[in-house]
Structures are given as C-alpha cells and as structure tokens.
All heavy atoms as atom14 arrays in JSON, in Angstrom:
{
  "sequence": "IAGWKNNEKYHEHPFALLAGTLLASVWVIRTYCRRSK",
  "atom14_mask": [
    [1, 1, 1, 1, 1, 1, 1, 1, 0, 0, 0, 0, 0, 0],
    [1, 1, 1, 1, 1, 0, 0, 0, 0, 0, 0, 0, 0, 0],
    [1, 1, 1, 1, 0, 0, 0, 0, 0, 0, 0, 0, 0, 0],
    [1, 1, 1, 1, 1, 1, 1, 1, 1, 1, 1, 1, 1, 1],
    [1, 1, 1, 1, 1, 1, 1, 1, 1, 0, 0, 0, 0, 0],
    [1, 1, 1, 1, 1, 1, 1, 1, 0, 0, 0, 0, 0, 0],
    [1, 1, 1, 1, 1, 1, 1, 1, 0, 0, 0, 0, 0, 0],
    [1, 1, 1, 1, 1, 1, 1, 1, 1, 0, 0, 0, 0, 0],
    [1, 1, 1, 1, 1, 1, 1, 1, 1, 0, 0, 0, 0, 0],
    [1, 1, 1, 1, 1, 1, 1, 1, 1, 1, 1, 1, 0, 0],
    [1, 1, 1, 1, 1, 1, 1, 1, 1, 1, 0, 0, 0, 0],
    [1, 1, 1, 1, 1, 1, 1, 1, 1, 0, 0, 0, 0, 0],
    [1, 1, 1, 1, 1, 1, 1, 1, 1, 1, 0, 0, 0, 0],
    [1, 1, 1, 1, 1, 1, 1, 0, 0, 0, 0, 0, 0, 0],
    [1, 1, 1, 1, 1, 1, 1, 1, 1, 1, 1, 0, 0, 0],
    [1, 1, 1, 1, 1, 0, 0, 0, 0, 0, 0, 0, 0, 0],
    [1, 1, 1, 1, 1, 1, 1, 1, 0, 0, 0, 0, 0, 0],
    [1, 1, 1, 1, 1, 1, 1, 1, 0, 0, 0, 0, 0, 0],
    [1, 1, 1, 1, 1, 0, 0, 0, 0, 0, 0, 0, 0, 0],
    [1, 1, 1, 1, 0, 0, 0, 0, 0, 0, 0, 0, 0, 0],
    [1, 1, 1, 1, 1, 1, 1, 0, 0, 0, 0, 0, 0, 0],
    [1, 1, 1, 1, 1, 1, 1, 1, 0, 0, 0, 0, 0, 0],
    [1, 1, 1, 1, 1, 1, 1, 1, 0, 0, 0, 0, 0, 0],
    [1, 1, 1, 1, 1, 0, 0, 0, 0, 0, 0, 0, 0, 0],
    [1, 1, 1, 1, 1, 1, 0, 0, 0, 0, 0, 0, 0, 0],
    [1, 1, 1, 1, 1, 1, 1, 0, 0, 0, 0, 0, 0, 0],
    [1, 1, 1, 1, 1, 1, 1, 1, 1, 1, 1, 1, 1, 1],
    [1, 1, 1, 1, 1, 1, 1, 0, 0, 0, 0, 0, 0, 0],
    [1, 1, 1, 1, 1, 1, 1, 1, 0, 0, 0, 0, 0, 0],
    [1, 1, 1, 1, 1, 1, 1, 1, 1, 1, 1, 0, 0, 0],
    [1, 1, 1, 1, 1, 1, 1, 0, 0, 0, 0, 0, 0, 0],
    [1, 1, 1, 1, 1, 1, 1, 1, 1, 1, 1, 1, 0, 0],
    [1, 1, 1, 1, 1, 1, 0, 0, 0, 0, 0, 0, 0, 0],
    [1, 1, 1, 1, 1, 1, 1, 1, 1, 1, 1, 0, 0, 0],
    [1, 1, 1, 1, 1, 1, 1, 1, 1, 1, 1, 0, 0, 0],
    [1, 1, 1, 1, 1, 1, 0, 0, 0, 0, 0, 0, 0, 0],
    [1, 1, 1, 1, 1, 1, 1, 1, 1, 0, 0, 0, 0, 0]
  ],
  "atom14_positions": [
    [[38.97, -36.93, -4.91], [39.91, -36.17, -5.68], [39.25, -35.77, -7.05], [39.25, -34.56, -7.39], [41.24, -36.99, -6.06], [42.02, -37.19, -4.76], [42.08, -36.17, -6.98], [43.18, -38.1, -4.93], [0.0, 0.0, 0.0], [0.0, 0.0, 0.0], [0.0, 0.0, 0.0], [0.0, 0.0, 0.0], [0.0, 0.0, 0.0], [0.0, 0.0, 0.0]],
    [[38.63, -36.66, -7.64], [37.9, -36.27, -8.95], [36.72, -35.31, -8.78], [36.56, -34.37, -9.44], [37.34, -37.51, -9.62], [0.0, 0.0, 0.0], [0.0, 0.0, 0.0], [0.0, 0.0, 0.0], [0.0, 0.0, 0.0], [0.0, 0.0, 0.0], [0.0, 0.0, 0.0], [0.0, 0.0, 0.0], [0.0, 0.0, 0.0], [0.0, 0.0, 0.0]],
    [[36.01, -35.46, -7.57], [35.02, -34.62, -7.25], [35.47, -33.16, -6.84], [34.87, -32.15, -7.15], [0.0, 0.0, 0.0], [0.0, 0.0, 0.0], [0.0, 0.0, 0.0], [0.0, 0.0, 0.0], [0.0, 0.0, 0.0], [0.0, 0.0, 0.0], [0.0, 0.0, 0.0], [0.0, 0.0, 0.0], [0.0, 0.0, 0.0], [0.0, 0.0, 0.0]],
    [[36.71, -33.17, -6.19], [37.26, -31.84, -5.83], [37.6, -31.13, -7.13], [37.47, -29.8, -7.21], [38.59, -32.11, -4.99], [39.25, -30.87, -4.64], [38.86, -29.92, -3.77], [40.49, -30.5, -5.14], [39.76, -28.91, -3.76], [40.78, -29.22, -4.51], [41.43, -31.09, -5.96], [42.06, -28.59, -4.79], [42.64, -30.46, -6.19], [42.84, -29.21, -5.63]],
    [[38.2, -31.79, -8.17], [38.59, -31.15, -9.35], [37.31, -30.6, -10.1], [37.46, -29.55, -10.83], [39.41, -32.08, -10.22], [40.71, -32.35, -9.68], [41.51, -33.34, -10.63], [42.94, -33.52, -10.01], [43.57, -34.55, -10.91], [0.0, 0.0, 0.0], [0.0, 0.0, 0.0], [0.0, 0.0, 0.0], [0.0, 0.0, 0.0], [0.0, 0.0, 0.0]],
    [[36.16, -31.38, -10.05], [34.97, -31.02, -10.89], [33.99, -30.33, -9.98], [32.83, -30.17, -10.54], [34.47, -32.3, -11.5], [35.41, -32.91, -12.46], [36.22, -32.29, -13.19], [35.37, -34.2, -12.38], [0.0, 0.0, 0.0], [0.0, 0.0, 0.0], [0.0, 0.0, 0.0], [0.0, 0.0, 0.0], [0.0, 0.0, 0.0], [0.0, 0.0, 0.0]],
    [[34.38, -29.99, -8.75], [33.36, -29.5, -7.91], [32.07, -30.32, -7.71], [30.97, -29.73, -7.66], [32.91, -27.98, -8.29], [32.27, -27.13, -7.24], [32.6, -27.44, -6.06], [31.56, -26.19, -7.62], [0.0, 0.0, 0.0], [0.0, 0.0, 0.0], [0.0, 0.0, 0.0], [0.0, 0.0, 0.0], [0.0, 0.0, 0.0], [0.0, 0.0, 0.0]],
    [[32.38, -31.6, -7.59], [31.16, -32.53, -7.36], [31.46, -33.33, -6.18], [32.66, -33.39, -5.65], [30.98, -33.39, -8.58], [30.64, -32.65, -9.84], [29.16, -32.34, -9.87], [28.38, -32.79, -8.99], [28.73, -31.49, -10.7], [0.0, 0.0, 0.0], [0.0, 0.0, 0.0], [0.0, 0.0, 0.0], [0.0, 0.0, 0.0], [0.0, 0.0, 0.0]],
    [[30.42, -34.06, -5.61], [30.62, -34.86, -4.46], [30.39, -36.4, -4.86], [29.36, -36.99, -4.39], [29.75, -34.46, -3.27], [30.14, -33.14, -2.78], [29.29, -32.77, -1.51], [29.71, -31.4, -0.99], [28.84, -30.92, 0.15], [0.0, 0.0, 0.0], [0.0, 0.0, 0.0], [0.0, 0.0, 0.0], [0.0, 0.0, 0.0], [0.0, 0.0, 0.0]],
    [[31.23, -36.87, -5.74], [31.02, -38.27, -6.18], [31.06, -39.26, -5.07], [30.38, -40.26, -5.09], [32.08, -38.6, -7.24], [32.15, -37.74, -8.44], [33.31, -37.2, -8.91], [30.94, -37.56, -9.12], [33.31, -36.34, -10.01], [30.91, -36.73, -10.26], [32.2, -36.06, -10.64], [32.2, -35.35, -11.77], [0.0, 0.0, 0.0], [0.0, 0.0, 0.0]],
    [[31.94, -38.98, -4.01], [32.05, -39.92, -2.92], [30.86, -39.98, -2.11], [30.74, -40.95, -1.17], [33.26, -39.56, -2.05], [33.07, -38.17, -1.34], [33.24, -36.96, -2.08], [32.9, -37.86, -0.11], [33.08, -35.98, -1.23], [32.83, -36.49, 0.04], [0.0, 0.0, 0.0], [0.0, 0.0, 0.0], [0.0, 0.0, 0.0], [0.0, 0.0, 0.0]],
    [[29.86, -39.08, -2.19], [28.68, -39.26, -1.31], [27.53, -39.94, -2.03], [26.56, -40.05, -1.57], [28.24, -37.73, -0.96], [29.08, -37.08, -0.08], [28.64, -35.81, 0.46], [27.44, -35.52, 0.18], [29.4, -34.9, 1.09], [0.0, 0.0, 0.0], [0.0, 0.0, 0.0], [0.0, 0.0, 0.0], [0.0, 0.0, 0.0], [0.0, 0.0, 0.0]],
    [[27.8, -40.49, -3.25], [26.76, -41.23, -3.96], [26.6, -42.52, -3.17], [27.53, -43.15, -2.67], [27.25, -41.61, -5.43], [26.09, -42.12, -6.23], [25.61, -43.42, -6.11], [25.31, -41.5, -7.18], [24.73, -43.59, -7.0], [24.43, -42.48, -7.64], [0.0, 0.0, 0.0], [0.0, 0.0, 0.0], [0.0, 0.0, 0.0], [0.0, 0.0, 0.0]],
    [[25.35, -43.0, -3.0], [25.13, -44.23, -2.12], [25.78, -45.35, -2.6], [26.29, -46.28, -1.8], [23.61, -44.38, -2.14], [23.15, -43.54, -3.29], [24.13, -42.41, -3.42], [0.0, 0.0, 0.0], [0.0, 0.0, 0.0], [0.0, 0.0, 0.0], [0.0, 0.0, 0.0], [0.0, 0.0, 0.0], [0.0, 0.0, 0.0], [0.0, 0.0, 0.0]],
    [[26.11, -45.61, -3.89], [26.7, -46.85, -4.38], [28.23, -46.75, -4.04], [28.87, -47.82, -3.81], [26.46, -47.14, -5.78], [25.04, -47.59, -6.02], [24.03, -46.74, -6.64], [24.69, -48.85, -5.66], [22.82, -47.21, -6.96], [23.44, -49.29, -5.96], [22.44, -48.55, -6.52], [0.0, 0.0, 0.0], [0.0, 0.0, 0.0], [0.0, 0.0, 0.0]],
    [[28.74, -45.55, -4.02], [30.1, -45.35, -3.59], [30.34, -45.73, -2.09], [31.24, -46.39, -1.71], [30.55, -44.0, -3.89], [0.0, 0.0, 0.0], [0.0, 0.0, 0.0], [0.0, 0.0, 0.0], [0.0, 0.0, 0.0], [0.0, 0.0, 0.0], [0.0, 0.0, 0.0], [0.0, 0.0, 0.0], [0.0, 0.0, 0.0], [0.0, 0.0, 0.0]],
    [[29.44, -45.16, -1.29], [29.4, -45.49, 0.15], [29.18, -46.88, 0.35], [29.8, -47.48, 1.28], [28.36, -44.58, 0.91], [28.54, -43.09, 0.81], [27.4, -42.43, 1.39], [29.84, -42.73, 1.5], [0.0, 0.0, 0.0], [0.0, 0.0, 0.0], [0.0, 0.0, 0.0], [0.0, 0.0, 0.0], [0.0, 0.0, 0.0], [0.0, 0.0, 0.0]],
    [[28.32, -47.56, -0.46], [28.06, -48.91, -0.29], [29.3, -49.71, -0.62], [29.48, -50.75, 0.17], [26.89, -49.24, -1.37], [26.24, -50.65, -1.13], [25.54, -50.91, 0.14], [25.24, -50.89, -2.27], [0.0, 0.0, 0.0], [0.0, 0.0, 0.0], [0.0, 0.0, 0.0], [0.0, 0.0, 0.0], [0.0, 0.0, 0.0], [0.0, 0.0, 0.0]],
    [[29.98, -49.41, -1.62], [31.19, -50.21, -1.96], [32.24, -50.06, -0.79], [32.86, -51.08, -0.42], [31.79, -49.61, -3.25], [0.0, 0.0, 0.0], [0.0, 0.0, 0.0], [0.0, 0.0, 0.0], [0.0, 0.0, 0.0], [0.0, 0.0, 0.0], [0.0, 0.0, 0.0], [0.0, 0.0, 0.0], [0.0, 0.0, 0.0], [0.0, 0.0, 0.0]],
    [[32.45, -48.93, -0.3], [33.39, -48.72, 0.74], [32.98, -49.42, 2.07], [33.85, -50.11, 2.68], [0.0, 0.0, 0.0], [0.0, 0.0, 0.0], [0.0, 0.0, 0.0], [0.0, 0.0, 0.0], [0.0, 0.0, 0.0], [0.0, 0.0, 0.0], [0.0, 0.0, 0.0], [0.0, 0.0, 0.0], [0.0, 0.0, 0.0], [0.0, 0.0, 0.0]],
    [[31.69, -49.45, 2.37], [31.31, -50.2, 3.59], [31.42, -51.72, 3.4], [31.87, -52.32, 4.21], [29.67, -49.78, 3.79], [29.6, -48.38, 4.0], [29.2, -50.52, 4.99], [0.0, 0.0, 0.0], [0.0, 0.0, 0.0], [0.0, 0.0, 0.0], [0.0, 0.0, 0.0], [0.0, 0.0, 0.0], [0.0, 0.0, 0.0], [0.0, 0.0, 0.0]],
    [[30.99, -52.12, 2.24], [31.1, -53.61, 1.99], [32.58, -54.07, 1.95], [32.97, -55.16, 2.58], [30.46, -53.98, 0.67], [29.02, -54.34, 0.62], [28.52, -54.58, -0.79], [28.81, -55.47, 1.48], [0.0, 0.0, 0.0], [0.0, 0.0, 0.0], [0.0, 0.0, 0.0], [0.0, 0.0, 0.0], [0.0, 0.0, 0.0], [0.0, 0.0, 0.0]],
    [[33.45, -53.26, 1.31], [34.85, -53.75, 1.29], [35.49, -53.82, 2.68], [36.13, -54.66, 3.0], [35.6, -52.89, 0.32], [35.51, -53.05, -1.12], [36.12, -52.0, -1.99], [35.98, -54.4, -1.55], [0.0, 0.0, 0.0], [0.0, 0.0, 0.0], [0.0, 0.0, 0.0], [0.0, 0.0, 0.0], [0.0, 0.0, 0.0], [0.0, 0.0, 0.0]],
    [[35.18, -52.74, 3.45], [35.82, -52.75, 4.76], [35.17, -53.82, 5.73], [35.98, -54.43, 6.4], [35.51, -51.31, 5.47], [0.0, 0.0, 0.0], [0.0, 0.0, 0.0], [0.0, 0.0, 0.0], [0.0, 0.0, 0.0], [0.0, 0.0, 0.0], [0.0, 0.0, 0.0], [0.0, 0.0, 0.0], [0.0, 0.0, 0.0], [0.0, 0.0, 0.0]],
    [[33.95, -54.09, 5.66], [33.31, -55.04, 6.52], [33.76, -56.44, 6.09], [34.06, -57.25, 6.88], [31.8, -54.91, 6.34], [31.38, -53.64, 6.8], [0.0, 0.0, 0.0], [0.0, 0.0, 0.0], [0.0, 0.0, 0.0], [0.0, 0.0, 0.0], [0.0, 0.0, 0.0], [0.0, 0.0, 0.0], [0.0, 0.0, 0.0], [0.0, 0.0, 0.0]],
    [[33.73, -56.67, 4.81], [34.21, -58.07, 4.32], [35.66, -58.26, 4.67], [35.96, -59.39, 5.07], [34.02, -58.18, 2.79], [34.58, -59.39, 2.31], [32.52, -58.19, 2.47], [0.0, 0.0, 0.0], [0.0, 0.0, 0.0], [0.0, 0.0, 0.0], [0.0, 0.0, 0.0], [0.0, 0.0, 0.0], [0.0, 0.0, 0.0], [0.0, 0.0, 0.0]],
    [[36.4, -57.25, 4.56], [37.89, -57.43, 4.97], [38.04, -57.77, 6.46], [38.67, -58.8, 6.84], [38.58, -56.13, 4.62], [40.04, -56.16, 5.23], [40.45, -55.61, 6.48], [41.19, -56.71, 4.63], [41.79, -55.86, 6.57], [42.31, -56.52, 5.57], [41.47, -57.5, 3.53], [43.5, -56.96, 5.32], [42.67, -57.88, 3.2], [43.83, -57.65, 4.17]],
    [[37.33, -57.04, 7.25], [37.35, -57.28, 8.75], [36.85, -58.69, 9.11], [37.5, -59.44, 9.79], [36.65, -56.23, 9.46], [36.35, -56.63, 10.97], [37.3, -54.91, 9.39], [0.0, 0.0, 0.0], [0.0, 0.0, 0.0], [0.0, 0.0, 0.0], [0.0, 0.0, 0.0], [0.0, 0.0, 0.0], [0.0, 0.0, 0.0], [0.0, 0.0, 0.0]],
    [[35.69, -59.02, 8.47], [35.09, -60.37, 8.8], [35.9, -61.46, 8.36], [36.22, -62.45, 9.05], [33.59, -60.33, 8.23], [32.76, -59.35, 8.92], [33.06, -61.82, 8.34], [31.44, -59.1, 8.19], [0.0, 0.0, 0.0], [0.0, 0.0, 0.0], [0.0, 0.0, 0.0], [0.0, 0.0, 0.0], [0.0, 0.0, 0.0], [0.0, 0.0, 0.0]],
    [[36.36, -61.37, 7.09], [37.35, -62.46, 6.5], [38.51, -62.67, 7.33], [38.98, -63.69, 7.63], [37.55, -62.15, 5.13], [38.48, -63.14, 4.37], [38.65, -62.82, 2.93], [39.6, -63.62, 2.24], [39.3, -64.9, 1.86], [38.13, -65.42, 1.92], [40.27, -65.63, 1.16], [0.0, 0.0, 0.0], [0.0, 0.0, 0.0], [0.0, 0.0, 0.0]],
    [[39.19, -61.47, 7.76], [40.4, -61.51, 8.46], [40.13, -62.2, 9.89], [40.98, -63.07, 10.29], [41.02, -60.06, 8.66], [41.27, -59.52, 7.47], [42.27, -60.17, 9.54], [0.0, 0.0, 0.0], [0.0, 0.0, 0.0], [0.0, 0.0, 0.0], [0.0, 0.0, 0.0], [0.0, 0.0, 0.0], [0.0, 0.0, 0.0], [0.0, 0.0, 0.0]],
    [[39.11, -61.87, 10.52], [38.78, -62.43, 11.77], [38.54, -63.96, 11.67], [39.05, -64.75, 12.44], [37.63, -61.69, 12.36], [37.04, -62.42, 13.67], [37.71, -62.09, 14.95], [36.11, -63.38, 13.69], [37.26, -62.73, 16.09], [35.68, -63.94, 14.79], [36.27, -63.58, 16.07], [35.81, -64.18, 17.2], [0.0, 0.0, 0.0], [0.0, 0.0, 0.0]],
    [[37.78, -64.37, 10.73], [37.3, -65.78, 10.49], [38.61, -66.52, 10.23], [38.78, -67.67, 10.69], [36.29, -65.93, 9.33], [34.63, -65.36, 9.83], [0.0, 0.0, 0.0], [0.0, 0.0, 0.0], [0.0, 0.0, 0.0], [0.0, 0.0, 0.0], [0.0, 0.0, 0.0], [0.0, 0.0, 0.0], [0.0, 0.0, 0.0], [0.0, 0.0, 0.0]],
    [[39.53, -66.06, 9.33], [40.69, -66.75, 9.0], [41.64, -66.89, 10.22], [42.24, -67.95, 10.53], [41.49, -66.0, 7.86], [42.66, -66.85, 7.31], [43.13, -66.27, 6.05], [43.64, -64.91, 6.2], [42.97, -63.86, 5.55], [41.98, -64.06, 4.81], [43.49, -62.64, 5.81], [0.0, 0.0, 0.0], [0.0, 0.0, 0.0], [0.0, 0.0, 0.0]],
    [[41.82, -65.81, 11.02], [42.7, -65.87, 12.25], [42.13, -66.77, 13.39], [42.89, -67.43, 14.04], [42.84, -64.47, 12.76], [43.99, -64.36, 13.82], [44.23, -62.93, 14.25], [43.02, -62.39, 14.86], [42.46, -61.33, 14.34], [42.87, -60.63, 13.23], [41.35, -60.82, 14.94], [0.0, 0.0, 0.0], [0.0, 0.0, 0.0], [0.0, 0.0, 0.0]],
    [[40.79, -66.7, 13.44], [40.17, -67.42, 14.56], [39.72, -68.84, 14.18], [39.21, -69.65, 14.98], [38.93, -66.65, 15.08], [39.23, -65.34, 15.44], [0.0, 0.0, 0.0], [0.0, 0.0, 0.0], [0.0, 0.0, 0.0], [0.0, 0.0, 0.0], [0.0, 0.0, 0.0], [0.0, 0.0, 0.0], [0.0, 0.0, 0.0], [0.0, 0.0, 0.0]],
    [[39.99, -69.22, 12.84], [39.61, -70.45, 12.39], [38.15, -70.79, 12.58], [37.7, -71.86, 13.11], [40.5, -71.54, 12.88], [41.96, -71.38, 12.53], [42.83, -72.42, 13.07], [44.21, -72.52, 12.52], [44.98, -71.18, 12.74], [0.0, 0.0, 0.0], [0.0, 0.0, 0.0], [0.0, 0.0, 0.0], [0.0, 0.0, 0.0], [0.0, 0.0, 0.0]]
  ]
}
C-alpha cells in the first residue's frame, strides 16, 4: 500500500521478502510441531 502511494516497490526489497518467508515458514513449522508433539 505504501509503495502504491509513493510509486515504489517496497515489498520487493529482499529483507521484506525475507521477513515474509521466515514468518510464514516458522508459523507452519511451529504449528505442525505443536500439533504433532
């Protein structure tokens, strides 16, 4: 949204992509480990 307003692609910065990838992966792995004990 911020990039759309400023005509920038903030979401394509590698550290932004890195944060999204890490959060999604950690969420999936933690959920699986907790459910599967």
